[in-house]
N, C-alpha and C. Protein backbone atom coordinates (compact mmCIF):
# COMPACT_ATOMS: atom_id res chain seq x y z
N MET A 1 71.28 38.86 -24.39
CA MET A 1 71.50 38.58 -22.95
C MET A 1 72.69 37.58 -22.87
N THR A 2 72.91 36.84 -23.74
CA THR A 2 73.86 35.89 -23.76
C THR A 2 75.24 36.50 -23.74
N ARG A 3 75.39 37.70 -24.39
CA ARG A 3 76.56 38.33 -24.41
C ARG A 3 77.18 38.81 -23.05
N PRO A 4 76.36 39.35 -22.20
CA PRO A 4 76.85 39.73 -20.92
C PRO A 4 77.20 38.45 -20.08
N LEU A 5 76.53 37.43 -20.22
CA LEU A 5 76.83 36.20 -19.50
C LEU A 5 78.16 35.55 -20.04
N THR A 6 78.41 35.67 -21.32
CA THR A 6 79.55 35.19 -21.95
C THR A 6 80.74 35.94 -21.51
N ARG A 7 80.56 37.33 -21.45
CA ARG A 7 81.58 38.20 -21.03
C ARG A 7 81.94 37.94 -19.55
N LEU A 8 80.79 37.72 -18.71
CA LEU A 8 81.00 37.41 -17.31
C LEU A 8 81.77 36.08 -17.10
N ALA A 9 81.37 35.10 -17.91
CA ALA A 9 82.01 33.82 -17.89
C ALA A 9 83.53 33.88 -18.25
N ALA A 10 83.88 34.76 -19.23
CA ALA A 10 85.11 34.91 -19.69
C ALA A 10 86.09 35.65 -18.53
N VAL A 11 85.45 36.69 -17.86
CA VAL A 11 86.12 37.35 -16.81
C VAL A 11 86.34 36.41 -15.64
N LEU A 12 85.35 35.55 -15.27
CA LEU A 12 85.54 34.60 -14.22
C LEU A 12 86.64 33.57 -14.56
N ALA A 13 86.62 33.13 -15.79
CA ALA A 13 87.64 32.15 -16.23
C ALA A 13 88.98 32.75 -16.21
N ILE A 14 89.28 33.88 -16.52
CA ILE A 14 90.57 34.63 -16.49
C ILE A 14 90.97 34.87 -15.03
N ALA A 15 90.05 35.32 -14.15
CA ALA A 15 90.24 35.38 -12.77
C ALA A 15 90.68 34.00 -12.09
N THR A 16 89.93 33.14 -12.41
CA THR A 16 90.13 31.79 -11.79
C THR A 16 91.58 31.23 -12.32
N THR A 17 91.86 31.39 -13.55
CA THR A 17 93.13 30.97 -14.00
C THR A 17 94.28 31.75 -13.42
N ALA A 18 94.06 33.09 -13.16
CA ALA A 18 95.11 33.94 -12.51
C ALA A 18 95.29 33.38 -11.13
N MET A 19 94.15 33.07 -10.38
CA MET A 19 94.31 32.71 -9.02
C MET A 19 95.01 31.32 -8.98
N LEU A 20 94.72 30.42 -9.82
CA LEU A 20 95.46 29.12 -9.89
C LEU A 20 96.85 29.25 -10.21
N ALA A 21 97.19 30.12 -11.14
CA ALA A 21 98.61 30.30 -11.50
C ALA A 21 99.33 30.92 -10.32
N SER A 22 98.69 31.92 -9.51
CA SER A 22 99.34 32.49 -8.46
C SER A 22 99.52 31.45 -7.28
N ALA A 23 98.49 30.59 -7.16
CA ALA A 23 98.56 29.58 -6.05
C ALA A 23 99.75 28.65 -6.25
N CYS A 24 99.90 28.28 -7.56
CA CYS A 24 100.88 27.32 -7.91
C CYS A 24 102.31 27.79 -7.84
N SER A 25 102.48 29.04 -8.06
CA SER A 25 103.83 29.63 -8.12
C SER A 25 104.40 29.97 -6.85
N SER A 26 103.58 30.30 -5.67
CA SER A 26 104.18 30.59 -4.40
C SER A 26 103.31 30.07 -3.31
N PRO A 27 103.86 29.63 -2.22
CA PRO A 27 103.10 29.18 -1.13
C PRO A 27 102.32 30.16 -0.34
N ALA A 28 101.26 29.76 0.25
CA ALA A 28 100.55 30.67 1.13
C ALA A 28 101.43 31.29 2.20
N PRO A 29 101.24 32.48 2.68
CA PRO A 29 102.11 33.02 3.61
C PRO A 29 102.23 32.23 4.93
N ASP A 30 101.19 31.50 5.37
CA ASP A 30 101.26 30.84 6.58
C ASP A 30 101.52 29.42 6.39
N ALA A 31 101.69 28.96 5.11
CA ALA A 31 102.07 27.47 4.92
C ALA A 31 103.52 27.37 4.87
N GLU A 32 103.86 26.19 5.53
CA GLU A 32 105.38 25.83 5.62
C GLU A 32 105.67 25.12 4.35
N PRO A 33 106.92 25.47 3.73
CA PRO A 33 107.34 24.72 2.41
C PRO A 33 107.53 23.29 2.81
N GLN A 34 107.18 22.51 1.89
CA GLN A 34 107.33 21.10 1.97
C GLN A 34 108.60 20.70 1.25
N PRO A 35 109.45 19.88 1.73
CA PRO A 35 110.66 19.40 1.02
C PRO A 35 110.29 18.56 -0.15
N SER A 36 111.10 18.71 -1.13
CA SER A 36 110.90 17.98 -2.31
C SER A 36 111.64 16.73 -2.11
N LYS A 37 111.34 15.75 -3.10
CA LYS A 37 112.16 14.40 -3.00
C LYS A 37 113.54 14.69 -3.27
N THR A 38 114.03 15.67 -4.05
CA THR A 38 115.36 15.93 -4.31
C THR A 38 116.04 16.43 -2.98
N ALA A 39 115.28 17.32 -2.27
CA ALA A 39 115.87 17.79 -0.91
C ALA A 39 115.88 16.70 0.05
N ASP A 40 114.99 15.69 0.03
CA ASP A 40 115.03 14.51 1.00
C ASP A 40 116.29 13.75 0.63
N ALA A 41 116.59 13.50 -0.65
CA ALA A 41 117.73 12.76 -1.04
C ALA A 41 119.06 13.41 -0.66
N ALA A 42 119.04 14.74 -0.66
CA ALA A 42 120.27 15.38 -0.29
C ALA A 42 120.44 15.36 1.15
N GLN A 43 119.25 15.41 1.96
CA GLN A 43 119.51 15.38 3.38
C GLN A 43 119.98 14.02 3.95
N THR A 44 119.63 12.94 3.13
CA THR A 44 119.92 11.67 3.65
C THR A 44 121.37 11.30 3.22
N THR A 45 122.01 12.06 2.28
CA THR A 45 123.34 11.85 1.88
C THR A 45 124.26 12.86 2.60
N ALA A 46 123.69 13.93 3.03
CA ALA A 46 124.56 15.01 3.64
C ALA A 46 125.38 14.53 4.82
N PRO A 47 124.80 13.79 5.86
CA PRO A 47 125.56 13.39 6.96
C PRO A 47 126.79 12.60 6.49
N GLU A 48 126.77 11.75 5.46
CA GLU A 48 127.92 11.13 5.13
C GLU A 48 128.99 12.03 4.54
N ALA A 49 128.51 13.00 3.78
CA ALA A 49 129.49 13.93 3.19
C ALA A 49 130.02 14.81 4.15
N GLU A 50 129.30 15.21 5.21
CA GLU A 50 129.72 16.11 6.22
C GLU A 50 130.32 15.43 7.45
N SER A 51 130.65 14.09 7.39
CA SER A 51 131.16 13.46 8.64
C SER A 51 132.52 14.12 9.10
N ASP A 52 132.80 14.05 10.33
CA ASP A 52 133.85 14.65 10.91
C ASP A 52 135.09 13.99 10.35
N PRO A 53 136.01 14.72 9.80
CA PRO A 53 137.23 14.18 9.27
C PRO A 53 138.27 13.75 10.36
N THR A 54 138.07 14.39 11.59
CA THR A 54 138.96 13.95 12.69
C THR A 54 138.74 12.58 13.21
N PRO A 55 139.70 11.76 13.11
CA PRO A 55 139.52 10.42 13.61
C PRO A 55 139.14 10.30 15.18
N ALA A 56 138.46 9.25 15.50
CA ALA A 56 138.11 9.14 16.93
C ALA A 56 139.45 8.86 17.60
N PRO A 57 139.49 9.33 18.83
CA PRO A 57 140.77 9.23 19.60
C PRO A 57 141.01 7.64 19.97
N ASP A 58 142.16 7.26 19.80
CA ASP A 58 142.51 5.87 20.16
C ASP A 58 142.37 5.71 21.65
N ALA A 59 141.76 4.62 21.99
CA ALA A 59 141.46 4.39 23.45
C ALA A 59 142.79 4.37 24.16
N GLU A 60 143.90 3.84 23.62
CA GLU A 60 145.18 3.87 24.35
C GLU A 60 145.66 5.19 24.49
N ALA A 61 145.50 6.07 23.44
CA ALA A 61 146.07 7.41 23.47
C ALA A 61 145.19 8.19 24.58
N ALA A 62 143.94 7.94 24.70
CA ALA A 62 143.25 8.71 25.70
C ALA A 62 143.65 8.30 27.08
N ASP A 63 144.27 7.11 27.30
CA ASP A 63 144.61 6.65 28.49
C ASP A 63 146.17 6.88 28.82
N ALA A 64 146.84 7.55 27.94
CA ALA A 64 148.30 7.93 28.04
C ALA A 64 148.42 8.88 29.01
N PRO A 65 149.41 8.80 29.85
CA PRO A 65 149.69 9.75 30.98
C PRO A 65 150.14 11.13 30.24
N GLU A 66 149.63 12.20 30.89
CA GLU A 66 149.98 13.50 30.46
C GLU A 66 150.51 14.31 31.65
N CYS A 67 151.13 15.41 31.38
CA CYS A 67 151.73 16.27 32.52
C CYS A 67 150.57 16.73 33.45
N ASP A 68 149.49 17.09 32.93
CA ASP A 68 148.44 17.55 33.74
C ASP A 68 147.40 16.38 34.30
N THR A 69 147.76 15.15 33.83
CA THR A 69 146.98 14.06 34.40
C THR A 69 147.65 13.07 35.37
N ILE A 70 148.98 13.18 35.39
CA ILE A 70 149.64 12.29 36.33
C ILE A 70 149.68 12.92 37.79
N ILE A 71 149.45 14.27 37.83
CA ILE A 71 149.20 14.81 39.08
C ILE A 71 147.73 15.12 39.23
N SER A 72 147.25 15.44 40.43
CA SER A 72 145.88 15.65 40.73
C SER A 72 145.43 16.96 39.99
N PRO A 73 144.11 17.02 39.64
CA PRO A 73 143.62 18.28 38.88
C PRO A 73 143.81 19.48 39.77
N THR A 74 143.79 19.31 41.13
CA THR A 74 143.94 20.45 42.00
C THR A 74 145.36 20.93 41.90
N THR A 75 146.35 20.08 41.85
CA THR A 75 147.81 20.54 41.76
C THR A 75 147.99 21.13 40.46
N ALA A 76 147.45 20.58 39.36
CA ALA A 76 147.66 21.13 38.11
C ALA A 76 146.96 22.47 38.01
N ALA A 77 145.86 22.73 38.65
CA ALA A 77 145.22 23.98 38.69
C ALA A 77 146.05 24.99 39.52
N ASP A 78 146.64 24.57 40.62
CA ASP A 78 147.42 25.48 41.42
C ASP A 78 148.73 25.92 40.57
N PHE A 79 149.28 24.95 39.91
CA PHE A 79 150.52 25.36 39.10
C PHE A 79 150.04 26.35 38.04
N ALA A 80 148.94 26.16 37.42
CA ALA A 80 148.49 27.01 36.34
C ALA A 80 148.18 28.40 36.88
N SER A 81 147.63 28.53 38.12
CA SER A 81 147.35 29.75 38.78
C SER A 81 148.63 30.51 39.01
N LEU A 82 149.64 29.97 39.21
CA LEU A 82 150.98 30.49 39.34
C LEU A 82 151.63 30.97 38.06
N GLY A 83 151.07 30.60 36.95
CA GLY A 83 151.55 30.84 35.59
C GLY A 83 152.52 29.76 35.16
N TRP A 84 152.48 28.56 35.84
CA TRP A 84 153.48 27.53 35.54
C TRP A 84 152.87 26.70 34.38
N THR A 85 153.84 26.26 33.57
CA THR A 85 153.54 25.17 32.54
C THR A 85 154.40 24.00 32.74
N ALA A 86 154.14 23.03 31.91
CA ALA A 86 155.01 21.83 32.06
C ALA A 86 155.73 21.46 30.79
N LEU A 87 156.96 21.14 30.95
CA LEU A 87 157.77 20.58 29.81
C LEU A 87 157.69 19.06 29.95
N ALA A 88 157.27 18.34 28.89
CA ALA A 88 157.24 16.80 28.94
C ALA A 88 158.48 16.25 28.34
N ASP A 89 158.85 15.11 28.78
CA ASP A 89 160.02 14.40 28.30
C ASP A 89 159.70 12.87 28.47
N VAL A 90 160.47 12.13 27.81
CA VAL A 90 160.42 10.65 27.80
C VAL A 90 160.82 10.35 29.31
N PHE A 91 160.31 9.33 29.83
CA PHE A 91 160.63 8.79 31.23
C PHE A 91 161.86 8.00 31.16
N ARG A 92 162.87 8.35 31.90
CA ARG A 92 164.10 7.58 32.00
C ARG A 92 164.41 7.28 33.49
N VAL A 93 164.93 6.10 33.70
CA VAL A 93 165.47 5.70 35.02
C VAL A 93 166.93 5.10 34.71
N ALA A 94 167.90 5.84 35.11
CA ALA A 94 169.30 5.41 34.80
C ALA A 94 169.40 5.20 33.28
N SER A 95 169.74 3.98 32.84
CA SER A 95 169.84 3.72 31.40
C SER A 95 168.55 3.27 30.82
N VAL A 96 167.59 3.13 31.57
CA VAL A 96 166.34 2.42 31.07
C VAL A 96 165.39 3.48 30.70
N GLU A 97 164.89 3.51 29.39
CA GLU A 97 164.08 4.55 28.78
C GLU A 97 162.66 3.82 28.62
N VAL A 98 161.69 4.52 29.15
CA VAL A 98 160.28 4.00 29.03
C VAL A 98 159.39 4.89 28.14
N PRO A 99 159.34 4.70 26.89
CA PRO A 99 158.62 5.70 25.94
C PRO A 99 157.15 5.76 26.34
N GLU A 100 156.55 4.85 26.89
CA GLU A 100 155.14 4.91 27.28
C GLU A 100 154.85 5.72 28.60
N GLY A 101 155.94 6.15 29.21
CA GLY A 101 155.82 6.95 30.33
C GLY A 101 156.03 8.42 30.00
N ILE A 102 155.98 9.26 31.12
CA ILE A 102 156.27 10.67 30.93
C ILE A 102 156.93 11.28 32.12
N GLN A 103 157.88 12.26 31.93
CA GLN A 103 158.43 12.92 32.98
C GLN A 103 158.22 14.45 32.64
N CYS A 104 157.73 15.11 33.66
CA CYS A 104 157.38 16.50 33.53
C CYS A 104 158.05 17.40 34.44
N THR A 105 158.45 18.48 33.91
CA THR A 105 159.13 19.59 34.73
C THR A 105 158.20 20.82 34.68
N TRP A 106 157.61 21.16 35.83
CA TRP A 106 156.63 22.21 35.97
C TRP A 106 157.37 23.39 36.43
N GLY A 107 157.21 24.65 35.81
CA GLY A 107 157.73 25.94 36.34
C GLY A 107 157.34 27.06 35.40
N ASP A 108 157.86 28.22 35.82
CA ASP A 108 157.61 29.33 34.97
C ASP A 108 158.83 29.64 34.06
N PHE A 109 158.64 29.15 32.74
CA PHE A 109 159.69 29.19 31.85
C PHE A 109 159.83 30.45 31.09
N THR A 110 159.03 31.46 31.54
CA THR A 110 159.27 32.78 30.91
C THR A 110 160.35 33.55 31.49
N THR A 111 160.83 33.08 32.60
CA THR A 111 161.95 33.73 33.32
C THR A 111 163.02 32.57 33.62
N ALA A 112 164.34 33.01 33.83
CA ALA A 112 165.32 31.97 34.23
C ALA A 112 165.15 31.68 35.71
N THR A 113 164.88 30.43 36.05
CA THR A 113 164.63 30.09 37.32
C THR A 113 165.03 28.57 37.59
N ASP A 114 165.44 28.29 38.86
CA ASP A 114 165.59 26.90 39.11
C ASP A 114 164.39 26.41 40.08
N HIS A 115 163.38 27.28 40.24
CA HIS A 115 162.32 26.96 41.14
C HIS A 115 161.31 26.16 40.23
N VAL A 116 161.51 24.82 40.13
CA VAL A 116 160.60 23.95 39.43
C VAL A 116 160.25 22.77 40.23
N GLN A 117 159.33 22.00 39.66
CA GLN A 117 159.01 20.66 40.36
C GLN A 117 158.95 19.65 39.27
N ILE A 118 159.44 18.44 39.60
CA ILE A 118 159.52 17.37 38.56
C ILE A 118 158.63 16.19 39.04
N PHE A 119 157.84 15.65 38.13
CA PHE A 119 157.02 14.35 38.40
C PHE A 119 157.13 13.48 37.16
N GLY A 120 156.98 12.25 37.47
CA GLY A 120 156.89 11.23 36.35
C GLY A 120 156.30 10.02 36.69
N TRP A 121 155.80 9.29 35.70
CA TRP A 121 155.19 7.99 35.85
C TRP A 121 155.24 7.21 34.64
N ALA A 122 155.51 5.88 34.76
CA ALA A 122 155.65 5.00 33.60
C ALA A 122 155.23 3.57 34.02
N PRO A 123 154.85 2.88 33.02
CA PRO A 123 154.58 1.45 33.30
C PRO A 123 155.97 0.84 33.04
N ILE A 124 156.37 -0.11 33.90
CA ILE A 124 157.70 -0.69 33.82
C ILE A 124 157.60 -2.24 34.19
N THR A 125 158.38 -3.10 33.46
CA THR A 125 158.48 -4.49 33.70
C THR A 125 159.34 -4.67 34.90
N GLN A 126 159.26 -5.89 35.45
CA GLN A 126 160.13 -6.24 36.69
C GLN A 126 161.60 -6.19 36.27
N ALA A 127 161.89 -6.74 35.02
CA ALA A 127 163.30 -6.69 34.54
C ALA A 127 163.85 -5.29 34.45
N GLN A 128 163.03 -4.37 33.90
CA GLN A 128 163.46 -3.01 33.75
C GLN A 128 163.61 -2.39 35.25
N ALA A 129 162.78 -2.66 35.97
CA ALA A 129 162.80 -2.06 37.38
C ALA A 129 164.08 -2.52 38.13
N GLU A 130 164.37 -3.71 38.00
CA GLU A 130 165.51 -4.36 38.62
C GLU A 130 166.80 -3.72 38.07
N THR A 131 166.87 -3.54 36.73
CA THR A 131 168.10 -3.04 36.08
C THR A 131 168.31 -1.53 36.57
N ALA A 132 167.19 -0.75 36.60
CA ALA A 132 167.18 0.61 36.82
C ALA A 132 167.69 0.91 38.26
N ALA A 133 166.97 0.12 39.19
CA ALA A 133 167.27 0.29 40.61
C ALA A 133 168.67 -0.07 40.88
N SER A 134 169.28 -1.14 40.20
CA SER A 134 170.60 -1.58 40.44
C SER A 134 171.55 -0.54 39.95
N GLU A 135 171.35 0.03 38.83
CA GLU A 135 172.23 1.05 38.26
C GLU A 135 172.25 2.32 39.27
N LEU A 136 171.11 2.65 39.65
CA LEU A 136 171.09 3.81 40.62
C LEU A 136 171.81 3.57 41.84
N VAL A 137 171.65 2.36 42.49
CA VAL A 137 172.33 2.13 43.77
C VAL A 137 173.81 2.08 43.46
N ALA A 138 174.25 1.54 42.27
CA ALA A 138 175.67 1.51 41.99
C ALA A 138 176.26 3.05 41.92
N GLU A 139 175.43 3.96 41.58
CA GLU A 139 175.88 5.37 41.52
C GLU A 139 175.71 6.03 42.88
N GLY A 140 175.31 5.31 43.92
CA GLY A 140 175.38 5.89 45.13
C GLY A 140 173.97 6.26 45.74
N TRP A 141 172.87 5.87 45.05
CA TRP A 141 171.60 6.07 45.45
C TRP A 141 171.19 5.09 46.48
N THR A 142 170.15 5.37 47.32
CA THR A 142 169.81 4.50 48.46
C THR A 142 168.58 3.85 48.14
N ARG A 143 168.53 2.41 48.47
CA ARG A 143 167.32 1.63 48.16
C ARG A 143 166.69 1.35 49.61
N GLU A 144 165.33 1.60 49.62
CA GLU A 144 164.57 1.32 50.82
C GLU A 144 163.28 0.64 50.45
N GLU A 145 162.87 -0.42 51.27
CA GLU A 145 161.62 -1.15 51.08
C GLU A 145 160.62 -0.38 51.77
N GLY A 146 159.39 -0.34 51.22
CA GLY A 146 158.28 0.28 51.91
C GLY A 146 157.07 -0.43 51.53
N PRO A 147 155.88 -0.14 52.29
CA PRO A 147 154.70 -0.86 51.97
C PRO A 147 154.13 -0.46 50.53
N GLU A 148 154.47 0.59 50.03
CA GLU A 148 153.94 1.01 48.71
C GLU A 148 154.92 0.42 47.53
N GLY A 149 156.06 0.03 47.93
CA GLY A 149 157.06 -0.59 46.99
C GLY A 149 158.46 -0.32 47.29
N VAL A 150 159.39 -0.20 46.31
CA VAL A 150 160.79 0.13 46.60
C VAL A 150 161.07 1.46 46.31
N TYR A 151 161.66 2.20 47.23
CA TYR A 151 162.14 3.63 47.02
C TYR A 151 163.58 3.61 46.66
N VAL A 152 163.97 4.32 45.67
CA VAL A 152 165.34 4.52 45.39
C VAL A 152 165.61 6.05 45.32
N THR A 153 166.46 6.55 46.21
CA THR A 153 166.60 8.01 46.40
C THR A 153 168.21 8.45 46.15
N GLU A 154 168.21 9.61 45.62
CA GLU A 154 169.55 10.07 45.45
C GLU A 154 170.22 10.30 46.80
N SER A 155 171.56 10.28 46.79
CA SER A 155 172.27 10.51 48.06
C SER A 155 171.99 12.08 48.52
N GLY A 156 171.75 12.14 49.80
CA GLY A 156 171.58 13.50 50.37
C GLY A 156 172.70 14.43 50.20
N GLU A 157 173.94 13.77 50.09
CA GLU A 157 175.21 14.59 49.90
C GLU A 157 175.22 15.29 48.47
N THR A 158 174.60 14.66 47.48
CA THR A 158 174.67 15.28 46.12
C THR A 158 173.29 15.90 45.72
N ALA A 159 172.33 15.70 46.54
CA ALA A 159 170.95 16.31 46.09
C ALA A 159 171.03 17.84 46.17
N ILE A 160 170.42 18.32 45.17
CA ILE A 160 170.29 19.85 45.07
C ILE A 160 169.18 20.44 46.00
N ALA A 161 168.14 19.74 46.10
CA ALA A 161 167.05 20.09 47.08
C ALA A 161 166.48 18.83 47.71
N VAL A 162 166.14 18.97 48.86
CA VAL A 162 165.67 17.86 49.71
C VAL A 162 164.38 18.06 50.41
N ASP A 163 163.59 17.16 50.84
CA ASP A 163 162.34 17.49 51.62
C ASP A 163 162.78 17.52 53.09
N GLU A 164 161.80 17.65 53.97
CA GLU A 164 162.08 17.83 55.34
C GLU A 164 162.75 16.57 55.91
N ASP A 165 162.63 15.38 55.20
CA ASP A 165 163.21 14.25 55.71
C ASP A 165 164.64 13.93 55.14
N GLY A 166 165.00 14.91 54.21
CA GLY A 166 166.39 14.67 53.66
C GLY A 166 166.45 13.94 52.32
N TYR A 167 165.22 13.72 51.73
CA TYR A 167 165.20 13.01 50.51
C TYR A 167 165.07 13.97 49.41
N GLY A 168 165.99 13.68 48.33
CA GLY A 168 166.00 14.44 47.13
C GLY A 168 165.19 13.60 46.05
N LEU A 169 165.71 13.63 44.85
CA LEU A 169 165.14 12.89 43.71
C LEU A 169 164.80 11.44 44.14
N THR A 170 163.53 11.01 43.84
CA THR A 170 163.19 9.72 44.43
C THR A 170 162.29 9.01 43.41
N TYR A 171 162.55 7.69 43.18
CA TYR A 171 161.74 6.72 42.39
C TYR A 171 161.03 5.92 43.37
N LEU A 172 159.76 5.59 42.97
CA LEU A 172 159.07 4.47 43.77
C LEU A 172 158.59 3.51 42.69
N PHE A 173 159.17 2.18 42.92
CA PHE A 173 158.84 1.13 42.13
C PHE A 173 157.78 0.36 42.66
N GLY A 174 156.64 0.24 41.94
CA GLY A 174 155.52 -0.60 42.40
C GLY A 174 155.36 -1.80 41.48
N ASP A 175 154.17 -2.40 41.46
CA ASP A 175 153.83 -3.57 40.71
C ASP A 175 153.50 -3.20 39.35
N GLY A 176 154.45 -3.18 38.39
CA GLY A 176 154.21 -2.76 37.00
C GLY A 176 154.36 -1.28 36.69
N TRP A 177 154.74 -0.53 37.71
CA TRP A 177 154.69 0.97 37.41
C TRP A 177 155.90 1.51 38.27
N VAL A 178 156.23 2.79 37.88
CA VAL A 178 157.31 3.50 38.69
C VAL A 178 156.90 5.00 38.58
N LYS A 179 156.92 5.63 39.78
CA LYS A 179 156.73 6.96 40.10
C LYS A 179 158.08 7.74 40.29
N PHE A 180 158.00 9.11 39.89
CA PHE A 180 159.26 9.85 40.15
C PHE A 180 158.88 11.21 40.61
N ALA A 181 159.60 11.78 41.50
CA ALA A 181 159.42 13.20 41.97
C ALA A 181 160.78 13.64 42.41
N ASP A 182 160.74 15.04 42.44
CA ASP A 182 162.08 15.67 42.90
C ASP A 182 162.38 15.51 44.39
N THR A 183 161.42 15.17 45.17
CA THR A 183 161.64 14.74 46.68
C THR A 183 160.72 13.44 46.87
N LYS A 184 161.09 12.72 47.92
CA LYS A 184 160.19 11.52 48.27
C LYS A 184 158.79 12.02 48.65
N GLN A 185 158.65 13.17 49.38
CA GLN A 185 157.36 13.67 49.75
C GLN A 185 156.60 14.06 48.52
N GLY A 186 157.24 14.55 47.48
CA GLY A 186 156.60 15.01 46.26
C GLY A 186 155.84 13.78 45.53
N LEU A 187 156.25 12.48 45.81
CA LEU A 187 155.56 11.34 45.19
C LEU A 187 154.15 11.27 45.41
N VAL A 188 153.71 11.88 46.62
CA VAL A 188 152.24 11.81 46.95
C VAL A 188 151.45 12.62 45.87
N LEU A 189 152.13 13.46 45.24
CA LEU A 189 151.31 14.29 44.20
C LEU A 189 151.12 13.61 42.94
N VAL A 190 151.91 12.49 42.64
CA VAL A 190 151.75 11.71 41.52
C VAL A 190 150.56 10.87 41.68
N ALA A 191 149.43 11.19 40.99
CA ALA A 191 148.13 10.44 41.26
C ALA A 191 147.68 9.62 40.08
N TRP A 192 148.54 9.43 39.08
CA TRP A 192 148.22 8.68 38.01
C TRP A 192 147.78 7.09 38.49
N PRO A 193 146.79 6.55 37.79
CA PRO A 193 146.32 5.25 38.20
C PRO A 193 147.59 4.19 38.13
N GLN A 194 147.69 3.36 39.04
CA GLN A 194 148.89 2.44 39.01
C GLN A 194 148.51 1.04 38.65
N SER A 195 147.50 0.82 37.82
CA SER A 195 147.08 -0.39 37.39
C SER A 195 147.24 -0.58 35.86
């Protein structure tokens, strides 16, 4: 009688060993896999290895005037709906160049046309403003004082296009800034912060 018990014990031992081996080799179907210490270490170092290679934008660069930011978003959207784009250039007033500023010509550049609009904005020192305004006046431009600042407008006799009040290309010099548009009325569309 001991023989059948021994055989039964042997079968149970083999079955138990098989079950234990099976349980150790794969997780139960409903059990979630547990991360190993090696996986934890990889996860803690992964963010450093995968950090964004793009440098954070410089605060000054983010505040730099752009063609679609010196005018109102509505105006920029209106131009875009017409298929217009902008060509950016360095801001110049007579012989004074202001690299921190921008001058933009908006139009449909896929066809030959003179139907464009020009806007500009730049920070400017008092000395630069005086030099530029004096040079323009010496070339025949008109200087006018206004509550917003000093307007300097090209002569109506030489202007290619004028607004309903007869003003063509016009600069508005304020406290530390200058705006530019292809007409005096167009200056209202230059909405860049003036501080």
